[in-house]
Amino acid sequence: MSDDPDKVWPTGLTLKEAEEVHSYLIDGTRVFGAIALLAHVLVAVSTPWLG
């Protein structure tokens, strides 16, 4: 393994690449959370015996 100071351990990505991957992960988590929230609201509305 090279001792490149621009690489982030242990992935081997540069800091810019790591931040880009992280932003995609955060965006994906937000989309998943929004879909899950919508699904939970729809289930709560469609099942009156739970309320």
Protein backbone atom coordinates (compact mmCIF):
# COMPACT_ATOMS: atom_id res chain seq x y z
CA MET A 1 0.00 0.00 0.00
CA SER A 2 1.38 3.43 -0.88
CA ASP A 3 1.81 6.23 1.62
CA ASP A 4 -0.23 8.75 -0.34
CA PRO A 5 -1.26 11.53 2.09
CA ASP A 6 -4.43 12.23 0.07
CA LYS A 7 -5.87 8.77 0.73
CA VAL A 8 -8.23 8.08 3.63
CA TRP A 9 -7.63 4.86 5.55
CA PRO A 10 -9.04 2.12 5.25
CA THR A 11 -10.97 2.75 2.03
CA GLY A 12 -8.18 4.16 -0.10
CA LEU A 13 -10.43 6.99 -1.25
CA THR A 14 -9.32 10.59 -1.30
CA LEU A 15 -11.02 12.95 1.12
CA LYS A 16 -13.09 14.46 -1.71
CA GLU A 17 -14.20 11.00 -2.91
CA ALA A 18 -15.08 9.95 0.65
CA GLU A 19 -17.17 13.10 1.15
CA GLU A 20 -18.98 12.43 -2.13
CA VAL A 21 -19.83 8.86 -1.13
CA HIS A 22 -20.94 10.11 2.28
CA SER A 23 -23.28 12.68 0.70
CA TYR A 24 -24.87 9.93 -1.42
CA LEU A 25 -25.32 7.79 1.68
CA ILE A 26 -26.99 10.64 3.56
CA ASP A 27 -29.29 11.44 0.61
CA GLY A 28 -30.26 7.77 0.29
CA THR A 29 -31.01 7.56 4.00
CA ARG A 30 -33.25 10.63 3.78
CA VAL A 31 -35.17 9.17 0.81
CA PHE A 32 -35.56 5.83 2.60
CA GLY A 33 -36.77 7.62 5.74
CA ALA A 34 -39.32 9.66 3.78
CA ILE A 35 -40.69 6.53 2.07
CA ALA A 36 -40.85 4.68 5.40
CA LEU A 37 -42.65 7.61 7.04
CA LEU A 38 -45.16 7.74 4.19
CA ALA A 39 -45.74 3.98 4.42
CA HIS A 40 -46.31 4.19 8.18
CA VAL A 41 -48.79 7.06 7.76
CA LEU A 42 -50.69 5.16 5.06
CA VAL A 43 -50.91 2.06 7.26
CA ALA A 44 -52.11 4.12 10.22
CA VAL A 45 -54.79 5.77 8.10
CA SER A 46 -55.96 2.54 6.47
CA THR A 47 -56.25 0.50 9.71
CA PRO A 48 -58.70 2.20 12.07
CA TRP A 49 -58.39 -0.52 14.73
CA LEU A 50 -54.82 0.59 15.44
CA GLY A 51 -55.87 4.13 16.34
